[in-house]
C-alpha atoms as a PDB file:
ATOM      1  CA  MET A   1      76.736  65.889 105.729  1.00  0.00           C
ATOM      2  CA  THR A   2      74.427  62.462 106.173  1.00  0.00           C
ATOM      3  CA  GLN A   3      71.829  62.220 108.232  1.00  0.00           C
ATOM      4  CA  PRO A   4      72.913  61.816 111.892  1.00  0.00           C
ATOM      5  CA  ASP A   5      75.892  64.459 111.661  1.00  0.00           C
ATOM      6  CA  GLU A   6      73.661  66.869 110.549  1.00  0.00           C
ATOM      7  CA  LEU A   7      71.354  66.059 113.870  1.00  0.00           C
ATOM      8  CA  ALA A   8      74.793  66.112 116.268  1.00  0.00           C
ATOM      9  CA  ALA A   9      75.578  69.565 114.581  1.00  0.00           C
ATOM     10  CA  ARG A  10      71.786  70.704 115.228  1.00  0.00           C
ATOM     11  CA  LEU A  11      71.998  69.645 118.595  1.00  0.00           C
ATOM     12  CA  THR A  12      75.106  71.189 118.986  1.00  0.00           C
ATOM     13  CA  ARG A  13      74.235  74.546 118.284  1.00  0.00           C
ATOM     14  CA  VAL A  14      70.824  74.180 120.550  1.00  0.00           C
ATOM     15  CA  GLU A  15      73.312  73.035 123.272  1.00  0.00           C
ATOM     16  CA  GLN A  16      75.452  76.618 122.790  1.00  0.00           C
ATOM     17  CA  ARG A  17      72.466  78.513 122.609  1.00  0.00           C
ATOM     18  CA  LEU A  18      71.173  77.087 125.697  1.00  0.00           C
ATOM     19  CA  ASP A  19      74.535  77.480 127.447  1.00  0.00           C
ATOM     20  CA  ALA A  20      74.668  81.150 126.717  1.00  0.00           C
ATOM     21  CA  LEU A  21      71.168  81.417 127.309  1.00  0.00           C
ATOM     22  CA  GLU A  22      71.749  79.814 131.138  1.00  0.00           C
ATOM     23  CA  ALA A  23      74.679  81.709 131.706  1.00  0.00           C
ATOM     24  CA  PRO A  24      75.157  83.868 134.217  1.00  0.00           C
ATOM     25  CA  ARG A  25      74.961  87.464 133.476  1.00  0.00           C
ATOM     26  CA  VAL A  26      77.479  89.133 135.034  1.00  0.00           C
ATOM     27  CA  ARG A  27      79.897  90.486 133.610  1.00  0.00           C
ATOM     28  CA  PRO A  28      83.729  89.747 134.463  1.00  0.00           C
ATOM     29  CA  ALA A  29      86.337  92.140 135.015  1.00  0.00           C
ATOM     30  CA  PRO A  30      87.354  94.463 131.999  1.00  0.00           C
ATOM     31  CA  ALA A  31      90.107  93.262 129.876  1.00  0.00           C
ATOM     32  CA  GLY A  32      90.837  96.716 128.891  1.00  0.00           C
ATOM     33  CA  ASP A  33      88.582  97.317 126.203  1.00  0.00           C
ATOM     34  CA  ASP A  34      86.251  99.701 127.280  1.00  0.00           C
ATOM     35  CA  PRO A  35      87.900 101.673 129.960  1.00  0.00           C
ATOM     36  CA  ASP A  36      84.811 102.916 131.266  1.00  0.00           C
ATOM     37  CA  GLN A  37      82.217 100.114 131.433  1.00  0.00           C
ATOM     38  CA  PHE A  38      83.223  98.880 135.182  1.00  0.00           C
ATOM     39  CA  TRP A  39      84.138 102.991 136.553  1.00  0.00           C
ATOM     40  CA  ALA A  40      81.488 101.939 139.748  1.00  0.00           C
ATOM     41  CA  LEU A  41      83.938  98.837 140.425  1.00  0.00           C
ATOM     42  CA  ARG A  42      87.403 100.452 139.678  1.00  0.00           C
ATOM     43  CA  GLN A  43      86.253 103.375 142.626  1.00  0.00           C
ATOM     44  CA  LEU A  44      84.585 100.284 144.466  1.00  0.00           C
ATOM     45  CA  ARG A  45      88.532  98.105 144.331  1.00  0.00           C
ATOM     46  CA  GLU A  46      90.124 101.801 145.356  1.00  0.00           C
ATOM     47  CA  LEU A  47      87.657 102.487 148.490  1.00  0.00           C
ATOM     48  CA  ALA A  48      87.098  99.029 150.091  1.00  0.00           C
ATOM     49  CA  ALA A  49      89.040  97.803 153.083  1.00  0.00           C
ATOM     50  CA  GLU A  50      89.587  93.974 152.579  1.00  0.00           C
ATOM     51  CA  PRO A  51      87.567  91.573 152.541  1.00  0.00           C
ATOM     52  CA  GLY A  52      85.753  94.001 150.231  1.00  0.00           C
ATOM     53  CA  ALA A  53      82.661  95.527 149.693  1.00  0.00           C
ATOM     54  CA  VAL A  54      78.870  95.437 147.942  1.00  0.00           C
ATOM     55  CA  LEU A  55      77.834  98.673 146.838  1.00  0.00           C
ATOM     56  CA  PHE A  56      74.774  99.671 145.070  1.00  0.00           C
ATOM     57  CA  THR A  57      73.237 102.831 143.492  1.00  0.00           C
ATOM     58  CA  GLY A  58      71.197 103.640 140.857  1.00  0.00           C
ATOM     59  CA  LEU A  59      69.116 106.633 139.640  1.00  0.00           C
ATOM     60  CA  VAL A  60      65.038 106.502 139.040  1.00  0.00           C
ATOM     61  CA  ASP A  61      62.710 108.861 137.219  1.00  0.00           C
ATOM     62  CA  LEU A  62      59.059 107.367 138.152  1.00  0.00           C
ATOM     63  CA  PRO A  63      56.279 107.627 135.387  1.00  0.00           C
ATOM     64  CA  GLY A  64      54.608 109.815 137.718  1.00  0.00           C
ATOM     65  CA  GLY A  65      57.622 112.996 137.141  1.00  0.00           C
ATOM     66  CA  GLU A  66      59.182 111.563 140.683  1.00  0.00           C
ATOM     67  CA  HIS A  67      63.140 111.808 140.748  1.00  0.00           C
ATOM     68  CA  TYR A  68      65.213 109.808 143.095  1.00  0.00           C
ATOM     69  CA  GLU A  69      68.606 108.822 143.420  1.00  0.00           C
ATOM     70  CA  TRP A  70      70.078 106.137 145.859  1.00  0.00           C
ATOM     71  CA  GLN A  71      73.642 104.514 146.744  1.00  0.00           C
ATOM     72  CA  GLN A  72      74.461 102.251 149.078  1.00  0.00           C
ATOM     73  CA  GLY A  73      76.860  99.897 150.072  1.00  0.00           C
ATOM     74  CA  ALA A  74      78.352  97.707 153.317  1.00  0.00           C
ATOM     75  CA  PRO A  75      81.393  96.316 153.870  1.00  0.00           C
ATOM     76  CA  VAL A  76      81.862  92.181 153.020  1.00  0.00           C
ATOM     77  CA  GLU A  77      82.648  91.194 156.852  1.00  0.00           C
ATOM     78  CA  GLY A  78      79.695  93.051 158.113  1.00  0.00           C
ATOM     79  CA  LEU A  79      77.260  91.378 155.683  1.00  0.00           C
ATOM     80  CA  LEU A  80      79.024  88.092 156.192  1.00  0.00           C
ATOM     81  CA  GLU A  81      78.550  88.623 160.537  1.00  0.00           C
ATOM     82  CA  TRP A  82      74.774  89.666 160.195  1.00  0.00           C
ATOM     83  CA  ASP A  83      72.166  87.826 161.367  1.00  0.00           C
ATOM     84  CA  TRP A  84      70.289  87.278 158.088  1.00  0.00           C
ATOM     85  CA  ALA A  85      67.269  85.584 159.649  1.00  0.00           C
ATOM     86  CA  GLU A  86      66.302  88.765 160.934  1.00  0.00           C
ATOM     87  CA  GLN A  87      65.996  90.174 157.341  1.00  0.00           C
ATOM     88  CA  ALA A  88      63.862  87.253 156.075  1.00  0.00           C
ATOM     89  CA  PRO A  89      60.530  89.117 156.735  1.00  0.00           C
ATOM     90  CA  ALA A  90      61.591  92.015 154.486  1.00  0.00           C
ATOM     91  CA  LEU A  91      62.417  89.317 152.070  1.00  0.00           C
ATOM     92  CA  ALA A  92      59.103  87.300 152.494  1.00  0.00           C
ATOM     93  CA  ALA A  93      56.976  90.171 151.998  1.00  0.00           C
ATOM     94  CA  LEU A  94      58.630  89.817 148.318  1.00  0.00           C
ATOM     95  CA  ALA A  95      57.238  86.713 147.571  1.00  0.00           C
ATOM     96  CA  HIS A  96      54.208  86.702 146.576  1.00  0.00           C
ATOM     97  CA  PRO A  97      53.172  87.643 142.972  1.00  0.00           C
ATOM     98  CA  ALA A  98      50.448  90.061 144.276  1.00  0.00           C
ATOM     99  CA  ARG A  99      53.040  91.663 146.506  1.00  0.00           C
ATOM    100  CA  VAL A 100      55.318  92.249 143.751  1.00  0.00           C
ATOM    101  CA  ARG A 101      52.567  93.307 141.610  1.00  0.00           C
ATOM    102  CA  ILE A 102      51.110  96.133 143.904  1.00  0.00           C
ATOM    103  CA  LEU A 103      54.674  97.724 144.185  1.00  0.00           C
ATOM    104  CA  ARG A 104      55.014  97.575 140.620  1.00  0.00           C
ATOM    105  CA  GLU A 105      51.818  98.841 139.952  1.00  0.00           C
ATOM    106  CA  VAL A 106      52.713 101.957 143.121  1.00  0.00           C
ATOM    107  CA  LEU A 107      55.748 102.686 141.453  1.00  0.00           C
ATOM    108  CA  ARG A 108      54.335 103.267 138.086  1.00  0.00           C
ATOM    109  CA  GLY A 109      51.991 105.630 139.864  1.00  0.00           C
ATOM    110  CA  ALA A 110      49.352 103.701 141.024  1.00  0.00           C
ATOM    111  CA  GLY A 111      48.566 104.540 144.328  1.00  0.00           C
ATOM    112  CA  SER A 112      45.020 104.265 145.472  1.00  0.00           C
ATOM    113  CA  ALA A 113      43.233 101.420 147.215  1.00  0.00           C
ATOM    114  CA  ALA A 114      40.737 101.579 144.188  1.00  0.00           C
ATOM    115  CA  GLU A 115      43.520 101.219 141.449  1.00  0.00           C
ATOM    116  CA  LEU A 116      45.455  98.639 143.197  1.00  0.00           C
ATOM    117  CA  GLN A 117      42.046  96.693 143.145  1.00  0.00           C
ATOM    118  CA  ALA A 118      41.785  96.956 140.085  1.00  0.00           C
ATOM    119  CA  ILE A 119      45.495  94.184 139.225  1.00  0.00           C
ATOM    120  CA  ASP A 120      44.612  91.084 138.255  1.00  0.00           C
ATOM    121  CA  ALA A 121      46.179  89.440 140.873  1.00  0.00           C
ATOM    122  CA  ILE A 122      43.641  91.094 143.246  1.00  0.00           C
ATOM    123  CA  GLU A 123      40.716  89.372 143.838  1.00  0.00           C
ATOM    124  CA  SER A 124      39.124  91.274 146.634  1.00  0.00           C
ATOM    125  CA  THR A 125      39.511  94.553 148.910  1.00  0.00           C
ATOM    126  CA  GLY A 126      40.473  92.074 152.121  1.00  0.00           C
ATOM    127  CA  GLN A 127      43.148  89.991 150.071  1.00  0.00           C
ATOM    128  CA  LEU A 128      44.549  93.524 149.014  1.00  0.00           C
ATOM    129  CA  TYR A 129      44.701  95.087 152.513  1.00  0.00           C
ATOM    130  CA  HIS A 130      46.574  91.878 153.486  1.00  0.00           C
ATOM    131  CA  HIS A 131      49.243  92.213 151.183  1.00  0.00           C
ATOM    132  CA  VAL A 132      49.308  95.928 151.452  1.00  0.00           C
ATOM    133  CA  ARG A 133      49.775  94.867 155.704  1.00  0.00           C
ATOM    134  CA  GLN A 134      52.393  92.748 154.649  1.00  0.00           C
ATOM    135  CA  LEU A 135      54.125  94.746 152.600  1.00  0.00           C
ATOM    136  CA  THR A 136      53.926  98.567 155.412  1.00  0.00           C
ATOM    137  CA  ALA A 137      55.329  95.780 157.870  1.00  0.00           C
ATOM    138  CA  ALA A 138      58.345  95.193 155.607  1.00  0.00           C
ATOM    139  CA  GLY A 139      58.425  98.661 154.811  1.00  0.00           C
ATOM    140  CA  TRP A 140      58.125  98.112 151.175  1.00  0.00           C
ATOM    141  CA  LEU A 141      54.521 100.744 151.117  1.00  0.00           C
ATOM    142  CA  ARG A 142      53.963 103.343 153.310  1.00  0.00           C
ATOM    143  CA  THR A 143      50.933 104.876 153.804  1.00  0.00           C
ATOM    144  CA  THR A 144      50.989 108.539 153.030  1.00  0.00           C
ATOM    145  CA  GLY A 145      46.865 109.162 153.119  1.00  0.00           C
ATOM    146  CA  ARG A 146      43.635 107.442 153.399  1.00  0.00           C
ATOM    147  CA  ALA A 147      43.444 104.208 151.262  1.00  0.00           C
ATOM    148  CA  ARG A 148      47.142 105.856 149.004  1.00  0.00           C
ATOM    149  CA  TYR A 149      50.089 104.113 149.308  1.00  0.00           C
ATOM    150  CA  THR A 150      53.930 104.809 148.352  1.00  0.00           C
ATOM    151  CA  VAL A 151      56.783 103.394 147.673  1.00  0.00           C
ATOM    152  CA  PRO A 152      59.149 104.970 150.355  1.00  0.00           C
ATOM    153  CA  PRO A 153      61.967 106.697 148.739  1.00  0.00           C
ATOM    154  CA  GLU A 154      64.880 104.764 150.167  1.00  0.00           C
ATOM    155  CA  ARG A 155      63.388 101.560 149.176  1.00  0.00           C
ATOM    156  CA  ILE A 156      62.576 102.859 145.465  1.00  0.00           C
ATOM    157  CA  VAL A 157      66.649 101.610 144.326  1.00  0.00           C
ATOM    158  CA  PRO A 158      67.040  98.608 146.723  1.00  0.00           C
ATOM    159  CA  LEU A 159      63.785  97.237 145.460  1.00  0.00           C
ATOM    160  CA  LEU A 160      64.718  98.227 141.375  1.00  0.00           C
ATOM    161  CA  VAL A 161      68.423  96.241 142.636  1.00  0.00           C
ATOM    162  CA  ILE A 162      66.427  93.010 143.863  1.00  0.00           C
ATOM    163  CA  MET A 163      64.160  92.460 140.842  1.00  0.00           C
ATOM    164  CA  ALA A 164      67.212  93.358 138.914  1.00  0.00           C
ATOM    165  CA  CYS A 165      69.317  90.730 140.835  1.00  0.00           C
ATOM    166  CA  VAL A 166      66.984  88.109 140.194  1.00  0.00           C
ATOM    167  CA  GLN A 167      66.070  88.399 136.426  1.00  0.00           C
ATOM    168  CA  ARG A 168      67.373  85.387 134.508  1.00  0.00           C
END
């Protein structure tokens, strides 16, 4: 192979790898290889009316020993009819790096203000309380005692679903 041909072949391989990395992580409907792979999707097809539904579910064991199981679904028609602007404050609360770090650390077991203050992205007590207020107002955090915080059980799986959905 000549040098230009070698470069062209290498470029083709790099482009193929890049395409694979950038491809959506959504798996196509099962082709019959593993009938159990899409069991939840099959069940949703049986239960959902037209034009379809969205379902998320999860079971979570946190480092502190807590166990949560959650399932939530909604018909697509209802989701498309909602005023999505009403959900903006809850999403906006997640749109700051310090806030998502706070939530992650709370899920990992750091629930006190002192423990949260140790997060790298938090520079002052005032900054911590500003972010905690935003998360609490949006329903992502709950105060459980004097300067102690927890993610409400009904928000744990949805929060993890959001984080899973935005992974690249």
